[in-house]
């Protein structure tokens, strides 16, 4: 999964999030309703503003549903029962993928 968002930003719009994940904004809104861990802030107009924590949770949901093939109910159960353990494993996987990409880039430049 390659999700590129500008680092150091405090809030991301739903358009930025949808584009980074390669999905429709409607899917992000749907996941927001389905998963309690997603709580984007809303401005006076009602536009959603996602924090970096929301982005991390979205990455985890995306990983479970899109990459591992969990059903929504299965992903919800998994998150409720094993949220900390799942997040730790997910972070390790992301770090390993980054290292792999860096090593591949080094190999290709030789």
C-alpha atoms as a PDB file:
ATOM      1  CA  UNK A   1       0.000   0.000   0.000  1.00  0.00           C
ATOM      2  CA  UNK A   2       1.452   3.336  -1.038  1.00  0.00           C
ATOM      3  CA  UNK A   3      -0.361   6.141   0.683  1.00  0.00           C
ATOM      4  CA  UNK A   4       1.381   9.442   0.185  1.00  0.00           C
ATOM      5  CA  UNK A   5       0.176  12.367   2.262  1.00  0.00           C
ATOM      6  CA  UNK A   6       2.022  15.562   3.056  1.00  0.00           C
ATOM      7  CA  UNK A   7       3.908  15.102   6.316  1.00  0.00           C
ATOM      8  CA  UNK A   8       3.470  17.565   9.157  1.00  0.00           C
ATOM      9  CA  UNK A   9      -0.054  18.566   8.204  1.00  0.00           C
ATOM     10  CA  UNK A  10      -2.560  18.803  11.038  1.00  0.00           C
ATOM     11  CA  UNK A  11      -5.668  18.058   8.968  1.00  0.00           C
ATOM     12  CA  UNK A  12      -6.467  16.398   5.646  1.00  0.00           C
ATOM     13  CA  UNK A  13      -9.605  16.876   3.578  1.00  0.00           C
ATOM     14  CA  UNK A  14     -11.705  13.908   2.541  1.00  0.00           C
ATOM     15  CA  UNK A  15     -10.589  14.506  -1.062  1.00  0.00           C
ATOM     16  CA  UNK A  16      -6.925  14.230  -0.086  1.00  0.00           C
ATOM     17  CA  UNK A  17      -7.639  11.069   1.886  1.00  0.00           C
ATOM     18  CA  UNK A  18      -9.677   9.446  -0.888  1.00  0.00           C
ATOM     19  CA  UNK A  19      -7.016  10.297  -3.469  1.00  0.00           C
ATOM     20  CA  UNK A  20      -4.191   8.935  -1.295  1.00  0.00           C
ATOM     21  CA  UNK A  21      -6.027   5.649  -0.751  1.00  0.00           C
ATOM     22  CA  UNK A  22      -7.238   5.412  -4.353  1.00  0.00           C
ATOM     23  CA  UNK A  23     -10.882   5.089  -3.310  1.00  0.00           C
ATOM     24  CA  UNK A  24     -14.022   7.208  -3.588  1.00  0.00           C
ATOM     25  CA  UNK A  25     -14.833   9.751  -0.886  1.00  0.00           C
ATOM     26  CA  UNK A  26     -18.114   7.899  -0.368  1.00  0.00           C
ATOM     27  CA  UNK A  27     -16.175   4.845   0.859  1.00  0.00           C
ATOM     28  CA  UNK A  28     -14.330   6.984   3.409  1.00  0.00           C
ATOM     29  CA  UNK A  29     -17.665   8.425   4.613  1.00  0.00           C
ATOM     30  CA  UNK A  30     -19.094   4.887   4.806  1.00  0.00           C
ATOM     31  CA  UNK A  31     -16.138   3.640   6.846  1.00  0.00           C
ATOM     32  CA  UNK A  32     -16.549   6.658   9.128  1.00  0.00           C
ATOM     33  CA  UNK A  33     -20.104   5.517   9.927  1.00  0.00           C
ATOM     34  CA  UNK A  34     -19.098   1.877  10.330  1.00  0.00           C
ATOM     35  CA  UNK A  35     -15.944   2.191  12.454  1.00  0.00           C
ATOM     36  CA  UNK A  36     -16.007   3.924  15.842  1.00  0.00           C
ATOM     37  CA  UNK A  37     -12.271   4.647  15.738  1.00  0.00           C
ATOM     38  CA  UNK A  38     -12.777   7.171  12.913  1.00  0.00           C
ATOM     39  CA  UNK A  39     -13.778  10.538  14.284  1.00  0.00           C
ATOM     40  CA  UNK A  40     -12.837  13.310  11.853  1.00  0.00           C
ATOM     41  CA  UNK A  41     -13.489  16.843  12.975  1.00  0.00           C
ATOM     42  CA  UNK A  42     -16.014  18.889  11.027  1.00  0.00           C
ATOM     43  CA  UNK A  43     -15.787  22.598  10.320  1.00  0.00           C
ATOM     44  CA  UNK A  44     -18.736  25.036  10.314  1.00  0.00           C
ATOM     45  CA  UNK A  45     -19.668  23.955   6.778  1.00  0.00           C
ATOM     46  CA  UNK A  46     -19.642  20.304   7.793  1.00  0.00           C
ATOM     47  CA  UNK A  47     -16.490  19.421   5.827  1.00  0.00           C
ATOM     48  CA  UNK A  48     -14.544  16.565   7.354  1.00  0.00           C
ATOM     49  CA  UNK A  49     -10.997  17.207   8.514  1.00  0.00           C
ATOM     50  CA  UNK A  50      -8.981  14.076   9.222  1.00  0.00           C
ATOM     51  CA  UNK A  51      -6.119  14.115  11.732  1.00  0.00           C
ATOM     52  CA  UNK A  52      -2.927  12.049  11.339  1.00  0.00           C
ATOM     53  CA  UNK A  53      -4.436   9.635  13.912  1.00  0.00           C
ATOM     54  CA  UNK A  54      -7.498   9.231  11.671  1.00  0.00           C
ATOM     55  CA  UNK A  55      -5.170   8.547   8.741  1.00  0.00           C
ATOM     56  CA  UNK A  56      -3.396   5.818  10.730  1.00  0.00           C
ATOM     57  CA  UNK A  57      -6.757   4.253  11.597  1.00  0.00           C
ATOM     58  CA  UNK A  58      -7.854   4.466   7.951  1.00  0.00           C
ATOM     59  CA  UNK A  59      -4.639   2.733   6.888  1.00  0.00           C
ATOM     60  CA  UNK A  60      -5.397  -0.044   9.349  1.00  0.00           C
ATOM     61  CA  UNK A  61      -8.997  -0.392   8.140  1.00  0.00           C
ATOM     62  CA  UNK A  62      -7.839  -0.339   4.506  1.00  0.00           C
ATOM     63  CA  UNK A  63      -5.257  -3.022   5.287  1.00  0.00           C
ATOM     64  CA  UNK A  64      -7.784  -5.290   6.989  1.00  0.00           C
ATOM     65  CA  UNK A  65     -10.628  -4.843   4.484  1.00  0.00           C
ATOM     66  CA  UNK A  66      -8.895  -4.332   1.146  1.00  0.00           C
ATOM     67  CA  UNK A  67      -5.592  -6.176   1.551  1.00  0.00           C
ATOM     68  CA  UNK A  68      -6.434  -8.991   3.949  1.00  0.00           C
ATOM     69  CA  UNK A  69     -10.024  -9.478   2.779  1.00  0.00           C
ATOM     70  CA  UNK A  70     -11.808  -9.061   6.099  1.00  0.00           C
ATOM     71  CA  UNK A  71     -15.541  -8.424   6.060  1.00  0.00           C
ATOM     72  CA  UNK A  72     -16.604  -5.185   7.745  1.00  0.00           C
ATOM     73  CA  UNK A  73     -17.930  -7.119  10.742  1.00  0.00           C
ATOM     74  CA  UNK A  74     -14.737  -9.154  10.876  1.00  0.00           C
ATOM     75  CA  UNK A  75     -12.598  -6.020  10.748  1.00  0.00           C
ATOM     76  CA  UNK A  76     -14.679  -4.368  13.496  1.00  0.00           C
ATOM     77  CA  UNK A  77     -14.357  -7.420  15.723  1.00  0.00           C
ATOM     78  CA  UNK A  78     -10.642  -7.696  15.029  1.00  0.00           C
ATOM     79  CA  UNK A  79     -10.097  -4.034  15.876  1.00  0.00           C
ATOM     80  CA  UNK A  80     -12.132  -4.211  19.095  1.00  0.00           C
ATOM     81  CA  UNK A  81     -10.452  -7.359  20.366  1.00  0.00           C
ATOM     82  CA  UNK A  82      -6.895  -6.796  19.201  1.00  0.00           C
ATOM     83  CA  UNK A  83      -6.562  -3.101  18.350  1.00  0.00           C
ATOM     84  CA  UNK A  84      -3.181  -2.480  19.989  1.00  0.00           C
ATOM     85  CA  UNK A  85      -1.672  -5.765  18.799  1.00  0.00           C
ATOM     86  CA  UNK A  86      -3.043  -5.275  15.272  1.00  0.00           C
ATOM     87  CA  UNK A  87      -1.736  -1.711  15.116  1.00  0.00           C
ATOM     88  CA  UNK A  88       1.729  -2.813  16.274  1.00  0.00           C
ATOM     89  CA  UNK A  89       1.868  -5.583  13.656  1.00  0.00           C
ATOM     90  CA  UNK A  90       0.622  -3.195  10.998  1.00  0.00           C
ATOM     91  CA  UNK A  91       3.295  -0.616  11.870  1.00  0.00           C
ATOM     92  CA  UNK A  92       5.991  -3.310  11.684  1.00  0.00           C
ATOM     93  CA  UNK A  93       4.715  -4.420   8.268  1.00  0.00           C
ATOM     94  CA  UNK A  94       4.786  -0.816   7.022  1.00  0.00           C
ATOM     95  CA  UNK A  95       8.363  -0.317   8.252  1.00  0.00           C
ATOM     96  CA  UNK A  96       9.480  -3.557   6.613  1.00  0.00           C
ATOM     97  CA  UNK A  97       7.845  -2.528   3.321  1.00  0.00           C
ATOM     98  CA  UNK A  98       9.673   0.805   3.483  1.00  0.00           C
ATOM     99  CA  UNK A  99      12.994  -0.968   4.071  1.00  0.00           C
ATOM    100  CA  UNK A 100      12.261  -3.374   1.216  1.00  0.00           C
ATOM    101  CA  UNK A 101      11.522  -0.476  -1.138  1.00  0.00           C
ATOM    102  CA  UNK A 102      14.720   1.296  -0.096  1.00  0.00           C
ATOM    103  CA  UNK A 103      16.784  -1.846  -0.639  1.00  0.00           C
ATOM    104  CA  UNK A 104      15.172  -2.419  -4.041  1.00  0.00           C
ATOM    105  CA  UNK A 105      15.965   1.156  -5.009  1.00  0.00           C
ATOM    106  CA  UNK A 106      19.595   0.738  -3.924  1.00  0.00           C
ATOM    107  CA  UNK A 107      19.855  -2.526  -5.882  1.00  0.00           C
ATOM    108  CA  UNK A 108      18.403  -0.911  -9.019  1.00  0.00           C
ATOM    109  CA  UNK A 109      20.871   1.986  -8.797  1.00  0.00           C
ATOM    110  CA  UNK A 110      23.920  -0.311  -8.776  1.00  0.00           C
END
